Amino acid sequence: MMEHEHENAGRALDEIRRLTAAFTPPPHACATYRGLYEGLRELEHDLHLHIHLENNILFPRALDLESRGGSPAAFSRK
């Protein structure tokens, strides 16, 4: 389920990136407009990091723990 949500979030950010010309504000943009685009750029970076950590570290560890009969409570203490 979470991997599906990651795919949806990635598609949404791809669309935002497309609509904002890769987060490039127009030359006449005010500071608030520029700040919005910078915030979107940071959101994209943070989301990619979040997805990477879950997909490549957290999920595999949770699946490994589950396959060995471990509980989520035991996993959170490691």
PDB file of N, CA and C in Angstrom:
ATOM      1  N   MET A   1       0.821  -1.194   0.000  1.00  0.00           N
ATOM      2  CA  MET A   1       0.000   0.000   0.000  1.00  0.00           C
ATOM      3  C   MET A   1       0.873   1.269   0.000  1.00  0.00           C
ATOM      4  N   MET A   2       1.892   1.260   0.855  1.00  0.00           N
ATOM      5  CA  MET A   2       2.740   2.452   0.946  1.00  0.00           C
ATOM      6  C   MET A   2       3.546   2.671  -0.337  1.00  0.00           C
ATOM      7  N   GLU A   3       3.968   1.587  -0.980  1.00  0.00           N
ATOM      8  CA  GLU A   3       4.695   1.744  -2.234  1.00  0.00           C
ATOM      9  C   GLU A   3       3.789   2.369  -3.294  1.00  0.00           C
ATOM     10  N   HIS A   4       2.508   2.001  -3.275  1.00  0.00           N
ATOM     11  CA  HIS A   4       1.537   2.603  -4.194  1.00  0.00           C
ATOM     12  C   HIS A   4       1.407   4.106  -3.905  1.00  0.00           C
ATOM     13  N   GLU A   5       1.368   4.462  -2.619  1.00  0.00           N
ATOM     14  CA  GLU A   5       1.302   5.879  -2.245  1.00  0.00           C
ATOM     15  C   GLU A   5       2.557   6.616  -2.704  1.00  0.00           C
ATOM     16  N   HIS A   6       3.710   5.959  -2.622  1.00  0.00           N
ATOM     17  CA  HIS A   6       4.959   6.571  -3.083  1.00  0.00           C
ATOM     18  C   HIS A   6       4.887   6.859  -4.577  1.00  0.00           C
ATOM     19  N   GLU A   7       4.352   5.920  -5.333  1.00  0.00           N
ATOM     20  CA  GLU A   7       4.222   6.116  -6.774  1.00  0.00           C
ATOM     21  C   GLU A   7       3.297   7.294  -7.083  1.00  0.00           C
ATOM     22  N   ASN A   8       2.186   7.388  -6.348  1.00  0.00           N
ATOM     23  CA  ASN A   8       1.248   8.496  -6.558  1.00  0.00           C
ATOM     24  C   ASN A   8       1.893   9.836  -6.212  1.00  0.00           C
ATOM     25  N   ALA A   9       2.616   9.872  -5.105  1.00  0.00           N
ATOM     26  CA  ALA A   9       3.283  11.114  -4.698  1.00  0.00           C
ATOM     27  C   ALA A   9       4.338  11.508  -5.728  1.00  0.00           C
ATOM     28  N   GLY A  10       5.068  10.529  -6.244  1.00  0.00           N
ATOM     29  CA  GLY A  10       6.069  10.799  -7.266  1.00  0.00           C
ATOM     30  C   GLY A  10       5.452  11.371  -8.528  1.00  0.00           C
ATOM     31  N   ARG A  11       4.323  10.815  -8.938  1.00  0.00           N
ATOM     32  CA  ARG A  11       3.639  11.330 -10.124  1.00  0.00           C
ATOM     33  C   ARG A  11       3.146  12.753  -9.885  1.00  0.00           C
ATOM     34  N   ALA A  12       2.624  13.017  -8.696  1.00  0.00           N
ATOM     35  CA  ALA A  12       2.142  14.369  -8.382  1.00  0.00           C
ATOM     36  C   ALA A  12       3.294  15.366  -8.427  1.00  0.00           C
ATOM     37  N   LEU A  13       4.435  14.998  -7.860  1.00  0.00           N
ATOM     38  CA  LEU A  13       5.579  15.906  -7.899  1.00  0.00           C
ATOM     39  C   LEU A  13       6.130  16.066  -9.313  1.00  0.00           C
ATOM     40  N   ASP A  14       6.082  15.020 -10.104  1.00  0.00           N
ATOM     41  CA  ASP A  14       6.493  15.148 -11.512  1.00  0.00           C
ATOM     42  C   ASP A  14       5.622  16.190 -12.215  1.00  0.00           C
ATOM     43  N   GLU A  15       4.333  16.154 -11.935  1.00  0.00           N
ATOM     44  CA  GLU A  15       3.410  17.120 -12.552  1.00  0.00           C
ATOM     45  C   GLU A  15       3.692  18.540 -12.048  1.00  0.00           C
ATOM     46  N   ILE A  16       3.954  18.684 -10.767  1.00  0.00           N
ATOM     47  CA  ILE A  16       4.290  20.004 -10.217  1.00  0.00           C
ATOM     48  C   ILE A  16       5.573  20.512 -10.858  1.00  0.00           C
ATOM     49  N   ARG A  17       6.561  19.627 -10.985  1.00  0.00           N
ATOM     50  CA  ARG A  17       7.828  20.007 -11.621  1.00  0.00           C
ATOM     51  C   ARG A  17       7.577  20.461 -13.060  1.00  0.00           C
ATOM     52  N   ARG A  18       6.729  19.742 -13.780  1.00  0.00           N
ATOM     53  CA  ARG A  18       6.416  20.109 -15.163  1.00  0.00           C
ATOM     54  C   ARG A  18       5.718  21.467 -15.223  1.00  0.00           C
ATOM     55  N   LEU A  19       4.730  21.662 -14.354  1.00  0.00           N
ATOM     56  CA  LEU A  19       3.952  22.907 -14.369  1.00  0.00           C
ATOM     57  C   LEU A  19       4.764  24.127 -13.955  1.00  0.00           C
ATOM     58  N   THR A  20       5.805  23.912 -13.170  1.00  0.00           N
ATOM     59  CA  THR A  20       6.615  25.030 -12.686  1.00  0.00           C
ATOM     60  C   THR A  20       7.933  25.171 -13.445  1.00  0.00           C
ATOM     61  N   ALA A  21       8.049  24.493 -14.575  1.00  0.00           N
ATOM     62  CA  ALA A  21       9.287  24.536 -15.365  1.00  0.00           C
ATOM     63  C   ALA A  21      10.483  24.184 -14.482  1.00  0.00           C
ATOM     64  N   ALA A  22      10.362  23.042 -13.808  1.00  0.00           N
ATOM     65  CA  ALA A  22      11.427  22.553 -12.911  1.00  0.00           C
ATOM     66  C   ALA A  22      11.713  23.550 -11.789  1.00  0.00           C
ATOM     67  N   PHE A  23      10.639  24.096 -11.220  1.00  0.00           N
ATOM     68  CA  PHE A  23      10.722  25.017 -10.082  1.00  0.00           C
ATOM     69  C   PHE A  23      11.488  26.291 -10.423  1.00  0.00           C
ATOM     70  N   THR A  24      11.340  26.742 -11.642  1.00  0.00           N
ATOM     71  CA  THR A  24      11.998  27.961 -12.096  1.00  0.00           C
ATOM     72  C   THR A  24      10.970  29.082 -12.161  1.00  0.00           C
ATOM     73  N   PRO A  25      11.031  30.021 -11.215  1.00  0.00           N
ATOM     74  CA  PRO A  25      10.057  31.113 -11.247  1.00  0.00           C
ATOM     75  C   PRO A  25      10.341  32.050 -12.415  1.00  0.00           C
ATOM     76  N   PRO A  26       9.312  32.719 -12.887  1.00  0.00           N
ATOM     77  CA  PRO A  26       9.540  33.682 -13.965  1.00  0.00           C
ATOM     78  C   PRO A  26      10.427  34.836 -13.473  1.00  0.00           C
ATOM     79  N   PRO A  27      11.085  35.505 -14.386  1.00  0.00           N
ATOM     80  CA  PRO A  27      12.011  36.586 -13.995  1.00  0.00           C
ATOM     81  C   PRO A  27      11.348  37.673 -13.148  1.00  0.00           C
ATOM     82  N   HIS A  28      10.083  37.949 -13.368  1.00  0.00           N
ATOM     83  CA  HIS A  28       9.397  39.023 -12.644  1.00  0.00           C
ATOM     84  C   HIS A  28       8.803  38.564 -11.310  1.00  0.00           C
ATOM     85  N   ALA A  29       9.062  37.349 -10.898  1.00  0.00           N
ATOM     86  CA  ALA A  29       8.448  36.799  -9.684  1.00  0.00           C
ATOM     87  C   ALA A  29       8.909  37.540  -8.433  1.00  0.00           C
ATOM     88  N   CYS A  30       7.963  37.746  -7.531  1.00  0.00           N
ATOM     89  CA  CYS A  30       8.285  38.393  -6.252  1.00  0.00           C
ATOM     90  C   CYS A  30       8.955  37.374  -5.324  1.00  0.00           C
ATOM     91  N   ALA A  31       9.409  37.857  -4.179  1.00  0.00           N
ATOM     92  CA  ALA A  31      10.111  37.003  -3.224  1.00  0.00           C
ATOM     93  C   ALA A  31       9.220  35.862  -2.721  1.00  0.00           C
ATOM     94  N   THR A  32       7.934  36.128  -2.522  1.00  0.00           N
ATOM     95  CA  THR A  32       7.022  35.085  -2.062  1.00  0.00           C
ATOM     96  C   THR A  32       6.883  33.990  -3.106  1.00  0.00           C
ATOM     97  N   TYR A  33       6.751  34.373  -4.343  1.00  0.00           N
ATOM     98  CA  TYR A  33       6.650  33.432  -5.458  1.00  0.00           C
ATOM     99  C   TYR A  33       7.918  32.582  -5.524  1.00  0.00           C
ATOM    100  N   ARG A  34       9.075  33.238  -5.422  1.00  0.00           N
ATOM    101  CA  ARG A  34      10.349  32.520  -5.457  1.00  0.00           C
ATOM    102  C   ARG A  34      10.475  31.582  -4.261  1.00  0.00           C
ATOM    103  N   GLY A  35      10.012  32.024  -3.103  1.00  0.00           N
ATOM    104  CA  GLY A  35      10.037  31.179  -1.907  1.00  0.00           C
ATOM    105  C   GLY A  35       9.167  29.940  -2.066  1.00  0.00           C
ATOM    106  N   LEU A  36       8.025  30.104  -2.702  1.00  0.00           N
ATOM    107  CA  LEU A  36       7.147  28.962  -2.966  1.00  0.00           C
ATOM    108  C   LEU A  36       7.864  27.936  -3.825  1.00  0.00           C
ATOM    109  N   TYR A  37       8.505  28.380  -4.881  1.00  0.00           N
ATOM    110  CA  TYR A  37       9.200  27.455  -5.771  1.00  0.00           C
ATOM    111  C   TYR A  37      10.356  26.766  -5.052  1.00  0.00           C
ATOM    112  N   GLU A  38      11.070  27.506  -4.227  1.00  0.00           N
ATOM    113  CA  GLU A  38      12.157  26.893  -3.459  1.00  0.00           C
ATOM    114  C   GLU A  38      11.592  25.871  -2.476  1.00  0.00           C
ATOM    115  N   GLY A  39      10.465  26.185  -1.847  1.00  0.00           N
ATOM    116  CA  GLY A  39       9.820  25.227  -0.951  1.00  0.00           C
ATOM    117  C   GLY A  39       9.381  23.968  -1.682  1.00  0.00           C
ATOM    118  N   LEU A  40       8.889  24.115  -2.898  1.00  0.00           N
ATOM    119  CA  LEU A  40       8.512  22.946  -3.700  1.00  0.00           C
ATOM    120  C   LEU A  40       9.737  22.101  -4.044  1.00  0.00           C
ATOM    121  N   ARG A  41      10.834  22.762  -4.344  1.00  0.00           N
ATOM    122  CA  ARG A  41      12.088  22.044  -4.637  1.00  0.00           C
ATOM    123  C   ARG A  41      12.526  21.248  -3.407  1.00  0.00           C
ATOM    124  N   GLU A  42      12.440  21.863  -2.229  1.00  0.00           N
ATOM    125  CA  GLU A  42      12.806  21.177  -0.986  1.00  0.00           C
ATOM    126  C   GLU A  42      11.854  20.019  -0.685  1.00  0.00           C
ATOM    127  N   LEU A  43      10.568  20.225  -0.948  1.00  0.00           N
ATOM    128  CA  LEU A  43       9.587  19.162  -0.763  1.00  0.00           C
ATOM    129  C   LEU A  43       9.940  17.960  -1.632  1.00  0.00           C
ATOM    130  N   GLU A  44      10.272  18.215  -2.891  1.00  0.00           N
ATOM    131  CA  GLU A  44      10.635  17.131  -3.791  1.00  0.00           C
ATOM    132  C   GLU A  44      11.860  16.378  -3.258  1.00  0.00           C
ATOM    133  N   HIS A  45      12.866  17.100  -2.844  1.00  0.00           N
ATOM    134  CA  HIS A  45      14.081  16.472  -2.315  1.00  0.00           C
ATOM    135  C   HIS A  45      13.758  15.636  -1.078  1.00  0.00           C
ATOM    136  N   ASP A  46      13.024  16.215  -0.149  1.00  0.00           N
ATOM    137  CA  ASP A  46      12.680  15.506   1.084  1.00  0.00           C
ATOM    138  C   ASP A  46      11.826  14.276   0.811  1.00  0.00           C
ATOM    139  N   LEU A  47      10.897  14.379  -0.117  1.00  0.00           N
ATOM    140  CA  LEU A  47      10.053  13.231  -0.437  1.00  0.00           C
ATOM    141  C   LEU A  47      10.872  12.117  -1.080  1.00  0.00           C
ATOM    142  N   HIS A  48      11.791  12.466  -1.975  1.00  0.00           N
ATOM    143  CA  HIS A  48      12.644  11.442  -2.585  1.00  0.00           C
ATOM    144  C   HIS A  48      13.483  10.742  -1.524  1.00  0.00           C
ATOM    145  N   LEU A  49      14.007  11.485  -0.579  1.00  0.00           N
ATOM    146  CA  LEU A  49      14.788  10.883   0.509  1.00  0.00           C
ATOM    147  C   LEU A  49      13.907   9.970   1.356  1.00  0.00           C
ATOM    148  N   HIS A  50      12.734  10.438   1.707  1.00  0.00           N
ATOM    149  CA  HIS A  50      11.783   9.658   2.499  1.00  0.00           C
ATOM    150  C   HIS A  50      11.446   8.338   1.798  1.00  0.00           C
ATOM    151  N   ILE A  51      11.125   8.421   0.523  1.00  0.00           N
ATOM    152  CA  ILE A  51      10.761   7.227  -0.244  1.00  0.00           C
ATOM    153  C   ILE A  51      11.948   6.274  -0.339  1.00  0.00           C
ATOM    154  N   HIS A  52      13.121   6.810  -0.581  1.00  0.00           N
ATOM    155  CA  HIS A  52      14.322   5.964  -0.637  1.00  0.00           C
ATOM    156  C   HIS A  52      14.523   5.226   0.679  1.00  0.00           C
ATOM    157  N   LEU A  53      14.454   5.927   1.783  1.00  0.00           N
ATOM    158  CA  LEU A  53      14.671   5.295   3.090  1.00  0.00           C
ATOM    159  C   LEU A  53      13.640   4.208   3.363  1.00  0.00           C
ATOM    160  N   GLU A  54      12.391   4.486   3.063  1.00  0.00           N
ATOM    161  CA  GLU A  54      11.365   3.464   3.302  1.00  0.00           C
ATOM    162  C   GLU A  54      11.532   2.281   2.363  1.00  0.00           C
ATOM    163  N   ASN A  55      11.674   2.536   1.078  1.00  0.00           N
ATOM    164  CA  ASN A  55      11.733   1.445   0.096  1.00  0.00           C
ATOM    165  C   ASN A  55      12.995   0.597   0.222  1.00  0.00           C
ATOM    166  N   ASN A  56      14.109   1.219   0.560  1.00  0.00           N
ATOM    167  CA  ASN A  56      15.384   0.512   0.530  1.00  0.00           C
ATOM    168  C   ASN A  56      15.938   0.122   1.891  1.00  0.00           C
ATOM    169  N   ILE A  57      15.386   0.662   2.954  1.00  0.00           N
ATOM    170  CA  ILE A  57      15.886   0.328   4.289  1.00  0.00           C
ATOM    171  C   ILE A  57      14.762  -0.201   5.180  1.00  0.00           C
ATOM    172  N   LEU A  58      13.743   0.599   5.396  1.00  0.00           N
ATOM    173  CA  LEU A  58      12.691   0.216   6.331  1.00  0.00           C
ATOM    174  C   LEU A  58      11.889  -0.993   5.859  1.00  0.00           C
ATOM    175  N   PHE A  59      11.361  -0.956   4.645  1.00  0.00           N
ATOM    176  CA  PHE A  59      10.524  -2.057   4.161  1.00  0.00           C
ATOM    177  C   PHE A  59      11.282  -3.386   4.136  1.00  0.00           C
ATOM    178  N   PRO A  60      12.501  -3.428   3.577  1.00  0.00           N
ATOM    179  CA  PRO A  60      13.216  -4.708   3.594  1.00  0.00           C
ATOM    180  C   PRO A  60      13.464  -5.232   5.015  1.00  0.00           C
ATOM    181  N   ARG A  61      13.792  -4.345   5.936  1.00  0.00           N
ATOM    182  CA  ARG A  61      14.006  -4.790   7.322  1.00  0.00           C
ATOM    183  C   ARG A  61      12.726  -5.309   7.943  1.00  0.00           C
ATOM    184  N   ALA A  62      11.629  -4.622   7.691  1.00  0.00           N
ATOM    185  CA  ALA A  62      10.342  -5.065   8.245  1.00  0.00           C
ATOM    186  C   ALA A  62       9.941  -6.416   7.659  1.00  0.00           C
ATOM    187  N   LEU A  63      10.139  -6.600   6.359  1.00  0.00           N
ATOM    188  CA  LEU A  63       9.819  -7.888   5.737  1.00  0.00           C
ATOM    189  C   LEU A  63      10.704  -8.998   6.285  1.00  0.00           C
ATOM    190  N   ASP A  64      11.976  -8.714   6.494  1.00  0.00           N
ATOM    191  CA  ASP A  64      12.889  -9.697   7.062  1.00  0.00           C
ATOM    192  C   ASP A  64      12.456 -10.070   8.477  1.00  0.00           C
ATOM    193  N   LEU A  65      12.127  -9.081   9.262  1.00  0.00           N
ATOM    194  CA  LEU A  65      11.683  -9.333  10.630  1.00  0.00           C
ATOM    195  C   LEU A  65      10.402 -10.168  10.633  1.00  0.00           C
ATOM    196  N   GLU A  66       9.473  -9.802   9.780  1.00  0.00           N
ATOM    197  CA  GLU A  66       8.213 -10.528   9.698  1.00  0.00           C
ATOM    198  C   GLU A  66       8.446 -11.982   9.282  1.00  0.00           C
ATOM    199  N   SER A  67       9.353 -12.203   8.342  1.00  0.00           N
ATOM    200  CA  SER A  67       9.621 -13.567   7.876  1.00  0.00           C
ATOM    201  C   SER A  67      10.250 -14.424   8.965  1.00  0.00           C
ATOM    202  N   ARG A  68      10.900 -13.774   9.934  1.00  0.00           N
ATOM    203  CA  ARG A  68      11.497 -14.507  11.047  1.00  0.00           C
ATOM    204  C   ARG A  68      10.557 -14.583  12.251  1.00  0.00           C
ATOM    205  N   GLY A  69       9.316 -14.135  12.061  1.00  0.00           N
ATOM    206  CA  GLY A  69       8.329 -14.232  13.130  1.00  0.00           C
ATOM    207  C   GLY A  69       8.409 -13.127  14.159  1.00  0.00           C
ATOM    208  N   GLY A  70       9.091 -12.055  13.832  1.00  0.00           N
ATOM    209  CA  GLY A  70       9.215 -10.933  14.764  1.00  0.00           C
ATOM    210  C   GLY A  70       7.969 -10.079  14.764  1.00  0.00           C
ATOM    211  N   SER A  71       7.853  -9.262  15.790  1.00  0.00           N
ATOM    212  CA  SER A  71       6.708  -8.364  15.902  1.00  0.00           C
ATOM    213  C   SER A  71       7.139  -6.943  15.582  1.00  0.00           C
ATOM    214  N   PRO A  72       6.209  -6.096  15.181  1.00  0.00           N
ATOM    215  CA  PRO A  72       6.544  -4.687  14.925  1.00  0.00           C
ATOM    216  C   PRO A  72       7.121  -4.000  16.161  1.00  0.00           C
ATOM    217  N   ALA A  73       6.679  -4.375  17.354  1.00  0.00           N
ATOM    218  CA  ALA A  73       7.187  -3.758  18.574  1.00  0.00           C
ATOM    219  C   ALA A  73       8.680  -4.076  18.732  1.00  0.00           C
ATOM    220  N   ALA A  74       9.061  -5.311  18.439  1.00  0.00           N
ATOM    221  CA  ALA A  74      10.472  -5.683  18.534  1.00  0.00           C
ATOM    222  C   ALA A  74      11.296  -4.909  17.508  1.00  0.00           C
ATOM    223  N   PHE A  75      10.751  -4.690  16.329  1.00  0.00           N
ATOM    224  CA  PHE A  75      11.452  -3.964  15.275  1.00  0.00           C
ATOM    225  C   PHE A  75      11.726  -2.532  15.695  1.00  0.00           C
ATOM    226  N   SER A  76      10.778  -1.895  16.348  1.00  0.00           N
ATOM    227  CA  SER A  76      10.936  -0.479  16.706  1.00  0.00           C
ATOM    228  C   SER A  76      11.994  -0.277  17.779  1.00  0.00           C
ATOM    229  N   ARG A  77      12.356  -1.308  18.511  1.00  0.00           N
ATOM    230  CA  ARG A  77      13.360  -1.170  19.555  1.00  0.00           C
ATOM    231  C   ARG A  77      14.781  -1.337  19.036  1.00  0.00           C
ATOM    232  N   LYS A  78      14.958  -1.730  17.779  1.00  0.00           N
ATOM    233  CA  LYS A  78      16.297  -1.955  17.236  1.00  0.00           C
ATOM    234  C   LYS A  78      16.920  -0.684  16.754  1.00  0.00           C
TER     235      LYS A  78
END
